[in-house]
Amino acid sequence: MSAITVRNLSDETHRALKARAAAHQRSTEAEVRAILDAAVSSPDRPRLGTLLAAIGQETGADLDISREQIDRGPLDFA
């Protein structure tokens, strides 16, 4: 499992994280993990295939890729 260190966190931010963690009945570390997990798994976050298809459309490239293929994820070349 990976680990990170956050330096120079303001006292105000640290206090707010501790309060938020207490409100959710978990440790400050668990609260930070939950915040980070939510930030990177947002359903509003664009997917790579969607972004690439949009670039292709903007440049006029003729892409023969269906919306279903884009949303499905990585291609299986096996």
Protein backbone atom coordinates (compact mmCIF):
# COMPACT_ATOMS: atom_id res chain seq x y z
CA MET A 1 0.00 0.00 0.00
CA SER A 2 1.30 3.46 -0.89
CA ALA A 3 1.85 6.28 1.54
CA ILE A 4 2.23 10.04 1.18
CA THR A 5 3.35 12.84 3.46
CA VAL A 6 1.68 16.24 3.37
CA ARG A 7 4.00 18.99 4.56
CA ASN A 8 3.20 22.57 5.53
CA LEU A 9 -0.46 21.90 6.28
CA SER A 10 -1.89 24.93 8.06
CA ASP A 11 -3.01 24.56 11.66
CA GLU A 12 -6.48 25.68 10.61
CA THR A 13 -6.73 22.94 7.97
CA HIS A 14 -5.43 20.32 10.39
CA ARG A 15 -8.00 21.35 13.01
CA ALA A 16 -10.77 21.22 10.40
CA LEU A 17 -9.70 17.73 9.30
CA LYS A 18 -9.66 16.53 12.90
CA ALA A 19 -13.14 17.96 13.50
CA ARG A 20 -14.47 16.42 10.29
CA ALA A 21 -12.94 13.06 11.22
CA ALA A 22 -14.51 13.20 14.68
CA ALA A 23 -17.90 13.98 13.13
CA HIS A 24 -17.55 10.86 10.95
CA GLN A 25 -16.24 8.80 13.89
CA ARG A 26 -12.92 7.94 12.29
CA SER A 27 -9.27 8.88 12.60
CA THR A 28 -7.86 11.94 10.86
CA GLU A 29 -5.84 9.65 8.60
CA ALA A 30 -8.97 7.68 7.64
CA GLU A 31 -10.78 10.96 6.94
CA VAL A 32 -8.01 12.15 4.63
CA ARG A 33 -8.13 8.81 2.79
CA ALA A 34 -11.90 9.15 2.36
CA ILE A 35 -11.53 12.71 1.04
CA LEU A 36 -8.84 11.67 -1.46
CA ASP A 37 -10.79 8.59 -2.58
CA ALA A 38 -13.87 10.72 -3.22
CA ALA A 39 -11.84 13.33 -5.09
CA VAL A 40 -10.35 10.88 -7.59
CA SER A 41 -13.42 8.68 -8.08
CA SER A 42 -15.83 11.48 -8.88
CA PRO A 43 -18.38 10.48 -11.54
CA ASP A 44 -17.94 13.98 -13.00
CA ARG A 45 -14.29 13.23 -13.75
CA PRO A 46 -13.87 12.79 -17.52
CA ARG A 47 -12.55 9.47 -18.77
CA LEU A 48 -9.53 9.29 -21.04
CA GLY A 49 -11.39 7.72 -23.96
CA THR A 50 -14.03 10.44 -23.84
CA LEU A 51 -11.37 13.14 -23.86
CA LEU A 52 -9.51 11.55 -26.77
CA ALA A 53 -12.72 11.20 -28.78
CA ALA A 54 -13.53 14.87 -28.15
CA ILE A 55 -10.06 15.87 -29.37
CA GLY A 56 -10.56 13.75 -32.49
CA GLN A 57 -13.91 15.39 -33.18
CA GLU A 58 -12.46 18.88 -32.70
CA THR A 59 -9.66 18.17 -35.17
CA GLY A 60 -11.99 16.57 -37.70
CA ALA A 61 -10.39 13.13 -37.41
CA ASP A 62 -12.54 10.29 -38.71
CA LEU A 63 -12.70 7.99 -35.69
CA ASP A 64 -14.56 4.72 -36.02
CA ILE A 65 -15.12 4.27 -32.29
CA SER A 66 -18.57 3.77 -30.80
CA ARG A 67 -19.67 5.44 -27.57
CA GLU A 68 -20.01 1.95 -26.09
CA GLN A 69 -16.33 1.21 -26.82
CA ILE A 70 -15.28 4.49 -25.22
CA ASP A 71 -17.29 3.88 -22.05
CA ARG A 72 -16.21 0.22 -21.82
CA GLY A 73 -12.63 1.14 -20.97
CA PRO A 74 -9.29 -0.23 -22.14
CA LEU A 75 -9.24 -2.30 -25.30
CA ASP A 76 -8.40 -5.98 -25.07
CA PHE A 77 -5.77 -6.80 -27.70
CA ALA A 78 -5.48 -10.45 -26.73
